[in-house]
PDB file of N, CA and C in Angstrom:
ATOM      1  N   UNK A   1    -107.025 -69.112  24.650  1.00  0.00           N
ATOM      2  CA  UNK A   1    -105.663 -69.468  24.976  1.00  0.00           C
ATOM      3  C   UNK A   1    -104.742 -69.002  23.849  1.00  0.00           C
ATOM      4  N   UNK A   2    -103.656 -68.328  24.211  1.00  0.00           N
ATOM      5  CA  UNK A   2    -102.718 -67.889  23.181  1.00  0.00           C
ATOM      6  C   UNK A   2    -102.002 -69.082  22.557  1.00  0.00           C
ATOM      7  N   UNK A   3    -101.503 -68.914  21.348  1.00  0.00           N
ATOM      8  CA  UNK A   3    -100.760 -70.013  20.724  1.00  0.00           C
ATOM      9  C   UNK A   3     -99.467 -70.287  21.489  1.00  0.00           C
ATOM     10  N   UNK A   4     -99.094 -71.556  21.548  1.00  0.00           N
ATOM     11  CA  UNK A   4     -97.867 -71.961  22.223  1.00  0.00           C
ATOM     12  C   UNK A   4     -96.948 -72.586  21.177  1.00  0.00           C
ATOM     13  N   UNK A   5     -95.721 -72.102  21.162  1.00  0.00           N
ATOM     14  CA  UNK A   5     -94.725 -72.557  20.195  1.00  0.00           C
ATOM     15  C   UNK A   5     -93.510 -73.035  20.966  1.00  0.00           C
ATOM     16  N   UNK A   6     -92.988 -74.200  20.583  1.00  0.00           N
ATOM     17  CA  UNK A   6     -91.815 -74.737  21.254  1.00  0.00           C
ATOM     18  C   UNK A   6     -90.816 -75.226  20.213  1.00  0.00           C
ATOM     19  N   UNK A   7     -89.621 -74.644  20.271  1.00  0.00           N
ATOM     20  CA  UNK A   7     -88.538 -75.074  19.395  1.00  0.00           C
ATOM     21  C   UNK A   7     -87.784 -76.194  20.108  1.00  0.00           C
ATOM     22  N   UNK A   8     -87.580 -77.312  19.425  1.00  0.00           N
ATOM     23  CA  UNK A   8     -86.989 -78.485  20.047  1.00  0.00           C
ATOM     24  C   UNK A   8     -85.845 -79.053  19.218  1.00  0.00           C
ATOM     25  N   UNK A   9     -85.199 -80.053  19.811  1.00  0.00           N
ATOM     26  CA  UNK A   9     -84.258 -80.882  19.066  1.00  0.00           C
ATOM     27  C   UNK A   9     -84.572 -82.334  19.438  1.00  0.00           C
ATOM     28  N   UNK A  10     -84.341 -83.270  18.521  1.00  0.00           N
ATOM     29  CA  UNK A  10     -84.651 -84.669  18.780  1.00  0.00           C
ATOM     30  C   UNK A  10     -83.888 -85.211  19.997  1.00  0.00           C
ATOM     31  N   UNK A  11     -84.558 -86.073  20.731  1.00  0.00           N
ATOM     32  CA  UNK A  11     -83.996 -86.778  21.886  1.00  0.00           C
ATOM     33  C   UNK A  11     -83.566 -85.863  23.031  1.00  0.00           C
ATOM     34  N   UNK A  12     -84.128 -84.693  23.085  1.00  0.00           N
ATOM     35  CA  UNK A  12     -83.808 -83.727  24.139  1.00  0.00           C
ATOM     36  C   UNK A  12     -84.713 -83.992  25.349  1.00  0.00           C
ATOM     37  N   UNK A  13     -84.131 -84.386  26.493  1.00  0.00           N
ATOM     38  CA  UNK A  13     -84.967 -84.678  27.658  1.00  0.00           C
ATOM     39  C   UNK A  13     -85.695 -83.448  28.195  1.00  0.00           C
ATOM     40  N   UNK A  14     -85.089 -82.278  28.064  1.00  0.00           N
ATOM     41  CA  UNK A  14     -85.745 -81.052  28.521  1.00  0.00           C
ATOM     42  C   UNK A  14     -86.932 -80.707  27.640  1.00  0.00           C
ATOM     43  N   UNK A  15     -86.783 -80.952  26.341  1.00  0.00           N
ATOM     44  CA  UNK A  15     -87.883 -80.721  25.410  1.00  0.00           C
ATOM     45  C   UNK A  15     -89.048 -81.652  25.759  1.00  0.00           C
ATOM     46  N   UNK A  16     -88.729 -82.911  25.995  1.00  0.00           N
ATOM     47  CA  UNK A  16     -89.761 -83.896  26.336  1.00  0.00           C
ATOM     48  C   UNK A  16     -90.474 -83.517  27.624  1.00  0.00           C
ATOM     49  N   UNK A  17     -89.715 -83.066  28.605  1.00  0.00           N
ATOM     50  CA  UNK A  17     -90.304 -82.682  29.892  1.00  0.00           C
ATOM     51  C   UNK A  17     -91.241 -81.488  29.736  1.00  0.00           C
ATOM     52  N   UNK A  18     -90.811 -80.496  28.968  1.00  0.00           N
ATOM     53  CA  UNK A  18     -91.643 -79.309  28.749  1.00  0.00           C
ATOM     54  C   UNK A  18     -92.922 -79.673  27.994  1.00  0.00           C
ATOM     55  N   UNK A  19     -92.785 -80.483  26.948  1.00  0.00           N
ATOM     56  CA  UNK A  19     -93.965 -80.875  26.176  1.00  0.00           C
ATOM     57  C   UNK A  19     -94.902 -81.741  27.011  1.00  0.00           C
ATOM     58  N   UNK A  20     -94.345 -82.555  27.892  1.00  0.00           N
ATOM     59  CA  UNK A  20     -95.166 -83.384  28.781  1.00  0.00           C
ATOM     60  C   UNK A  20     -96.006 -82.510  29.719  1.00  0.00           C
ATOM     61  N   UNK A  21     -95.385 -81.498  30.290  1.00  0.00           N
ATOM     62  CA  UNK A  21     -96.124 -80.589  31.170  1.00  0.00           C
ATOM     63  C   UNK A  21     -97.254 -79.895  30.411  1.00  0.00           C
ATOM     64  N   UNK A  22     -96.943 -79.392  29.229  1.00  0.00           N
ATOM     65  CA  UNK A  22     -97.968 -78.711  28.439  1.00  0.00           C
ATOM     66  C   UNK A  22     -99.103 -79.676  28.084  1.00  0.00           C
ATOM     67  N   UNK A  23     -98.761 -80.895  27.719  1.00  0.00           N
ATOM     68  CA  UNK A  23     -99.786 -81.887  27.373  1.00  0.00           C
ATOM     69  C   UNK A  23    -100.659 -82.220  28.577  1.00  0.00           C
ATOM     70  N   UNK A  24    -100.045 -82.353  29.754  1.00  0.00           N
ATOM     71  CA  UNK A  24    -100.812 -82.643  30.976  1.00  0.00           C
ATOM     72  C   UNK A  24    -101.809 -81.539  31.286  1.00  0.00           C
ATOM     73  N   UNK A  25    -101.455 -80.328  30.894  1.00  0.00           N
ATOM     74  CA  UNK A  25    -102.355 -79.190  31.116  1.00  0.00           C
ATOM     75  C   UNK A  25    -103.377 -79.040  29.991  1.00  0.00           C
ATOM     76  N   UNK A  26    -103.320 -79.935  29.006  1.00  0.00           N
ATOM     77  CA  UNK A  26    -104.269 -79.877  27.901  1.00  0.00           C
ATOM     78  C   UNK A  26    -103.952 -78.799  26.885  1.00  0.00           C
ATOM     79  N   UNK A  27    -102.715 -78.351  26.861  1.00  0.00           N
ATOM     80  CA  UNK A  27    -102.304 -77.277  25.961  1.00  0.00           C
ATOM     81  C   UNK A  27    -101.918 -77.857  24.609  1.00  0.00           C
ATOM     82  N   UNK A  28    -102.509 -77.315  23.575  1.00  0.00           N
ATOM     83  CA  UNK A  28    -102.084 -77.664  22.219  1.00  0.00           C
ATOM     84  C   UNK A  28    -100.958 -76.712  21.859  1.00  0.00           C
ATOM     85  N   UNK A  29     -99.883 -77.267  21.337  1.00  0.00           N
ATOM     86  CA  UNK A  29     -98.717 -76.451  21.009  1.00  0.00           C
ATOM     87  C   UNK A  29     -98.185 -76.853  19.650  1.00  0.00           C
ATOM     88  N   UNK A  30     -97.445 -75.933  19.062  1.00  0.00           N
ATOM     89  CA  UNK A  30     -96.770 -76.221  17.801  1.00  0.00           C
ATOM     90  C   UNK A  30     -95.307 -76.509  18.124  1.00  0.00           C
ATOM     91  N   UNK A  31     -94.842 -77.669  17.705  1.00  0.00           N
ATOM     92  CA  UNK A  31     -93.450 -78.035  17.906  1.00  0.00           C
ATOM     93  C   UNK A  31     -92.684 -77.827  16.603  1.00  0.00           C
ATOM     94  N   UNK A  32     -91.559 -77.155  16.707  1.00  0.00           N
ATOM     95  CA  UNK A  32     -90.684 -76.964  15.554  1.00  0.00           C
ATOM     96  C   UNK A  32     -89.326 -77.555  15.908  1.00  0.00           C
ATOM     97  N   UNK A  33     -88.956 -78.622  15.213  1.00  0.00           N
ATOM     98  CA  UNK A  33     -87.625 -79.196  15.399  1.00  0.00           C
ATOM     99  C   UNK A  33     -86.627 -78.308  14.670  1.00  0.00           C
ATOM    100  N   UNK A  34     -85.829 -77.593  15.437  1.00  0.00           N
ATOM    101  CA  UNK A  34     -84.958 -76.576  14.859  1.00  0.00           C
ATOM    102  C   UNK A  34     -83.478 -76.943  14.846  1.00  0.00           C
ATOM    103  N   UNK A  35     -83.110 -77.967  15.569  1.00  0.00           N
ATOM    104  CA  UNK A  35     -81.694 -78.254  15.768  1.00  0.00           C
ATOM    105  C   UNK A  35     -80.934 -78.501  14.466  1.00  0.00           C
ATOM    106  N   UNK A  36     -81.535 -79.196  13.527  1.00  0.00           N
ATOM    107  CA  UNK A  36     -80.823 -79.568  12.300  1.00  0.00           C
ATOM    108  C   UNK A  36     -81.313 -78.803  11.080  1.00  0.00           C
ATOM    109  N   UNK A  37     -82.159 -77.810  11.288  1.00  0.00           N
ATOM    110  CA  UNK A  37     -82.676 -76.993  10.190  1.00  0.00           C
ATOM    111  C   UNK A  37     -82.141 -75.569  10.376  1.00  0.00           C
ATOM    112  N   UNK A  38     -81.159 -75.170   9.567  1.00  0.00           N
ATOM    113  CA  UNK A  38     -80.528 -73.853   9.763  1.00  0.00           C
ATOM    114  C   UNK A  38     -81.521 -72.683   9.741  1.00  0.00           C
ATOM    115  N   UNK A  39     -82.526 -72.743   8.890  1.00  0.00           N
ATOM    116  CA  UNK A  39     -83.496 -71.651   8.819  1.00  0.00           C
ATOM    117  C   UNK A  39     -84.346 -71.583  10.083  1.00  0.00           C
ATOM    118  N   UNK A  40     -84.775 -72.735  10.586  1.00  0.00           N
ATOM    119  CA  UNK A  40     -85.588 -72.759  11.812  1.00  0.00           C
ATOM    120  C   UNK A  40     -84.750 -72.347  13.016  1.00  0.00           C
ATOM    121  N   UNK A  41     -83.480 -72.769  13.043  1.00  0.00           N
ATOM    122  CA  UNK A  41     -82.606 -72.376  14.151  1.00  0.00           C
ATOM    123  C   UNK A  41     -82.380 -70.872  14.135  1.00  0.00           C
ATOM    124  N   UNK A  42     -82.178 -70.299  12.952  1.00  0.00           N
ATOM    125  CA  UNK A  42     -82.000 -68.853  12.828  1.00  0.00           C
ATOM    126  C   UNK A  42     -83.261 -68.124  13.308  1.00  0.00           C
ATOM    127  N   UNK A  43     -84.424 -68.659  12.938  1.00  0.00           N
ATOM    128  CA  UNK A  43     -85.705 -68.096  13.383  1.00  0.00           C
ATOM    129  C   UNK A  43     -85.795 -68.123  14.907  1.00  0.00           C
ATOM    130  N   UNK A  44     -85.435 -69.274  15.510  1.00  0.00           N
ATOM    131  CA  UNK A  44     -85.483 -69.413  16.963  1.00  0.00           C
ATOM    132  C   UNK A  44     -84.537 -68.417  17.634  1.00  0.00           C
ATOM    133  N   UNK A  45     -83.320 -68.312  17.119  1.00  0.00           N
ATOM    134  CA  UNK A  45     -82.347 -67.390  17.703  1.00  0.00           C
ATOM    135  C   UNK A  45     -82.829 -65.944  17.633  1.00  0.00           C
ATOM    136  N   UNK A  46     -83.455 -65.582  16.532  1.00  0.00           N
ATOM    137  CA  UNK A  46     -83.973 -64.219  16.383  1.00  0.00           C
ATOM    138  C   UNK A  46     -85.105 -63.954  17.372  1.00  0.00           C
ATOM    139  N   UNK A  47     -86.037 -64.897  17.472  1.00  0.00           N
ATOM    140  CA  UNK A  47     -87.183 -64.706  18.368  1.00  0.00           C
ATOM    141  C   UNK A  47     -86.789 -64.718  19.835  1.00  0.00           C
ATOM    142  N   UNK A  48     -85.771 -65.522  20.169  1.00  0.00           N
ATOM    143  CA  UNK A  48     -85.372 -65.667  21.576  1.00  0.00           C
ATOM    144  C   UNK A  48     -84.230 -64.724  21.963  1.00  0.00           C
ATOM    145  N   UNK A  49     -83.893 -63.824  21.052  1.00  0.00           N
ATOM    146  CA  UNK A  49     -82.809 -62.853  21.275  1.00  0.00           C
ATOM    147  C   UNK A  49     -81.487 -63.554  21.596  1.00  0.00           C
ATOM    148  N   UNK A  50     -81.186 -64.589  20.792  1.00  0.00           N
ATOM    149  CA  UNK A  50     -79.890 -65.249  20.872  1.00  0.00           C
ATOM    150  C   UNK A  50     -79.805 -66.489  21.740  1.00  0.00           C
ATOM    151  N   UNK A  51     -80.881 -66.882  22.380  1.00  0.00           N
ATOM    152  CA  UNK A  51     -80.853 -68.092  23.219  1.00  0.00           C
ATOM    153  C   UNK A  51     -80.748 -69.313  22.310  1.00  0.00           C
ATOM    154  N   UNK A  52     -79.759 -70.163  22.571  1.00  0.00           N
ATOM    155  CA  UNK A  52     -79.512 -71.280  21.664  1.00  0.00           C
ATOM    156  C   UNK A  52     -79.760 -72.652  22.277  1.00  0.00           C
ATOM    157  N   UNK A  53     -80.198 -72.697  23.521  1.00  0.00           N
ATOM    158  CA  UNK A  53     -80.471 -73.989  24.152  1.00  0.00           C
ATOM    159  C   UNK A  53     -81.881 -74.450  23.794  1.00  0.00           C
ATOM    160  N   UNK A  54     -82.110 -75.729  23.993  1.00  0.00           N
ATOM    161  CA  UNK A  54     -83.423 -76.305  23.689  1.00  0.00           C
ATOM    162  C   UNK A  54     -84.050 -76.825  24.963  1.00  0.00           C
ATOM    163  N   UNK A  55     -85.364 -76.652  25.059  1.00  0.00           N
ATOM    164  CA  UNK A  55     -86.265 -75.983  24.138  1.00  0.00           C
ATOM    165  C   UNK A  55     -86.271 -74.471  24.348  1.00  0.00           C
ATOM    166  N   UNK A  56     -86.860 -73.781  23.410  1.00  0.00           N
ATOM    167  CA  UNK A  56     -87.209 -72.371  23.569  1.00  0.00           C
ATOM    168  C   UNK A  56     -88.717 -72.300  23.406  1.00  0.00           C
ATOM    169  N   UNK A  57     -89.393 -71.737  24.404  1.00  0.00           N
ATOM    170  CA  UNK A  57     -90.846 -71.803  24.499  1.00  0.00           C
ATOM    171  C   UNK A  57     -91.436 -70.392  24.444  1.00  0.00           C
ATOM    172  N   UNK A  58     -92.492 -70.266  23.660  1.00  0.00           N
ATOM    173  CA  UNK A  58     -93.202 -68.998  23.513  1.00  0.00           C
ATOM    174  C   UNK A  58     -94.684 -69.225  23.770  1.00  0.00           C
ATOM    175  N   UNK A  59     -95.265 -68.353  24.573  1.00  0.00           N
ATOM    176  CA  UNK A  59     -96.712 -68.358  24.789  1.00  0.00           C
ATOM    177  C   UNK A  59     -97.210 -67.029  24.269  1.00  0.00           C
ATOM    178  N   UNK A  60     -97.940 -67.089  23.167  1.00  0.00           N
ATOM    179  CA  UNK A  60     -98.298 -65.852  22.477  1.00  0.00           C
ATOM    180  C   UNK A  60     -97.021 -65.142  22.067  1.00  0.00           C
ATOM    181  N   UNK A  61     -96.889 -63.887  22.416  1.00  0.00           N
ATOM    182  CA  UNK A  61     -95.698 -63.105  22.087  1.00  0.00           C
ATOM    183  C   UNK A  61     -94.653 -63.149  23.200  1.00  0.00           C
ATOM    184  N   UNK A  62     -94.942 -63.864  24.273  1.00  0.00           N
ATOM    185  CA  UNK A  62     -94.047 -63.897  25.431  1.00  0.00           C
ATOM    186  C   UNK A  62     -93.037 -65.030  25.291  1.00  0.00           C
ATOM    187  N   UNK A  63     -91.774 -64.689  25.402  1.00  0.00           N
ATOM    188  CA  UNK A  63     -90.712 -65.694  25.401  1.00  0.00           C
ATOM    189  C   UNK A  63     -90.559 -66.201  26.831  1.00  0.00           C
ATOM    190  N   UNK A  64     -91.003 -67.425  27.066  1.00  0.00           N
ATOM    191  CA  UNK A  64     -90.935 -68.018  28.396  1.00  0.00           C
ATOM    192  C   UNK A  64     -89.499 -68.402  28.732  1.00  0.00           C
ATOM    193  N   UNK A  65     -88.786 -68.938  27.746  1.00  0.00           N
ATOM    194  CA  UNK A  65     -87.430 -69.424  27.967  1.00  0.00           C
ATOM    195  C   UNK A  65     -87.384 -70.917  27.738  1.00  0.00           C
ATOM    196  N   UNK A  66     -86.645 -71.626  28.586  1.00  0.00           N
ATOM    197  CA  UNK A  66     -86.489 -73.063  28.439  1.00  0.00           C
ATOM    198  C   UNK A  66     -87.359 -73.853  29.389  1.00  0.00           C
ATOM    199  N   UNK A  67     -87.032 -75.129  29.508  1.00  0.00           N
ATOM    200  CA  UNK A  67     -87.802 -76.041  30.340  1.00  0.00           C
ATOM    201  C   UNK A  67     -87.821 -75.596  31.805  1.00  0.00           C
ATOM    202  N   UNK A  68     -86.653 -75.257  32.342  1.00  0.00           N
ATOM    203  CA  UNK A  68     -86.597 -74.839  33.748  1.00  0.00           C
ATOM    204  C   UNK A  68     -87.435 -73.595  33.992  1.00  0.00           C
ATOM    205  N   UNK A  69     -87.443 -72.685  33.039  1.00  0.00           N
ATOM    206  CA  UNK A  69     -88.257 -71.471  33.162  1.00  0.00           C
ATOM    207  C   UNK A  69     -89.745 -71.819  33.167  1.00  0.00           C
ATOM    208  N   UNK A  70     -90.132 -72.750  32.287  1.00  0.00           N
ATOM    209  CA  UNK A  70     -91.527 -73.183  32.222  1.00  0.00           C
ATOM    210  C   UNK A  70     -91.945 -73.835  33.534  1.00  0.00           C
ATOM    211  N   UNK A  71     -91.091 -74.700  34.068  1.00  0.00           N
ATOM    212  CA  UNK A  71     -91.390 -75.383  35.327  1.00  0.00           C
ATOM    213  C   UNK A  71     -91.486 -74.391  36.482  1.00  0.00           C
ATOM    214  N   UNK A  72     -90.612 -73.397  36.479  1.00  0.00           N
ATOM    215  CA  UNK A  72     -90.646 -72.378  37.531  1.00  0.00           C
ATOM    216  C   UNK A  72     -91.949 -71.585  37.478  1.00  0.00           C
ATOM    217  N   UNK A  73     -92.380 -71.216  36.269  1.00  0.00           N
ATOM    218  CA  UNK A  73     -93.656 -70.505  36.129  1.00  0.00           C
ATOM    219  C   UNK A  73     -94.804 -71.355  36.658  1.00  0.00           C
ATOM    220  N   UNK A  74     -94.769 -72.639  36.340  1.00  0.00           N
ATOM    221  CA  UNK A  74     -95.818 -73.535  36.806  1.00  0.00           C
ATOM    222  C   UNK A  74     -95.794 -73.647  38.324  1.00  0.00           C
ATOM    223  N   UNK A  75     -94.603 -73.748  38.901  1.00  0.00           N
ATOM    224  CA  UNK A  75     -94.471 -73.865  40.346  1.00  0.00           C
ATOM    225  C   UNK A  75     -94.998 -72.646  41.090  1.00  0.00           C
ATOM    226  N   UNK A  76     -94.896 -71.479  40.472  1.00  0.00           N
ATOM    227  CA  UNK A  76     -95.389 -70.234  41.076  1.00  0.00           C
ATOM    228  C   UNK A  76     -96.856 -69.973  40.749  1.00  0.00           C
ATOM    229  N   UNK A  77     -97.453 -70.846  39.955  1.00  0.00           N
ATOM    230  CA  UNK A  77     -98.845 -70.656  39.568  1.00  0.00           C
ATOM    231  C   UNK A  77     -99.051 -69.623  38.472  1.00  0.00           C
ATOM    232  N   UNK A  78     -97.982 -69.199  37.837  1.00  0.00           N
ATOM    233  CA  UNK A  78     -98.082 -68.158  36.817  1.00  0.00           C
ATOM    234  C   UNK A  78     -98.293 -68.714  35.409  1.00  0.00           C
ATOM    235  N   UNK A  79     -97.973 -69.979  35.213  1.00  0.00           N
ATOM    236  CA  UNK A  79     -98.141 -70.567  33.878  1.00  0.00           C
ATOM    237  C   UNK A  79     -99.609 -70.587  33.472  1.00  0.00           C
ATOM    238  N   UNK A  80    -100.465 -71.002  34.383  1.00  0.00           N
ATOM    239  CA  UNK A  80    -101.898 -71.059  34.058  1.00  0.00           C
ATOM    240  C   UNK A  80    -102.437 -69.675  33.697  1.00  0.00           C
ATOM    241  N   UNK A  81    -101.927 -68.641  34.354  1.00  0.00           N
ATOM    242  CA  UNK A  81    -102.361 -67.260  34.055  1.00  0.00           C
ATOM    243  C   UNK A  81    -101.945 -66.877  32.633  1.00  0.00           C
ATOM    244  N   UNK A  82    -100.704 -67.227  32.267  1.00  0.00           N
ATOM    245  CA  UNK A  82    -100.244 -66.922  30.902  1.00  0.00           C
ATOM    246  C   UNK A  82    -101.073 -67.664  29.866  1.00  0.00           C
ATOM    247  N   UNK A  83    -101.373 -68.927  30.148  1.00  0.00           N
ATOM    248  CA  UNK A  83    -102.128 -69.733  29.207  1.00  0.00           C
ATOM    249  C   UNK A  83    -103.575 -69.270  29.088  1.00  0.00           C
ATOM    250  N   UNK A  84    -104.102 -68.654  30.134  1.00  0.00           N
ATOM    251  CA  UNK A  84    -105.490 -68.190  30.132  1.00  0.00           C
ATOM    252  C   UNK A  84    -105.655 -66.822  29.487  1.00  0.00           C
ATOM    253  N   UNK A  85    -104.555 -66.107  29.317  1.00  0.00           N
ATOM    254  CA  UNK A  85    -104.628 -64.720  28.801  1.00  0.00           C
ATOM    255  C   UNK A  85    -105.196 -64.664  27.396  1.00  0.00           C
TER     256      UNK A  85
END
């Protein structure tokens, strides 16, 4: 399974929803709280090509996007394929 990285901000319901889905699937992920850390936020913006909403999710080198993008991938059955790669 490729590494999963999720940039979050505290008390973000979308972040919680995305992490809940990943946890239900048994996915271990690295969470980086970036909202109040300028260096981490800059890192997130660079990796996501300017996307500033939370969360920003990466599976391996693939930028999935945010919570809605993750849910859409799961709904189409494509999330499991990405996680299995």
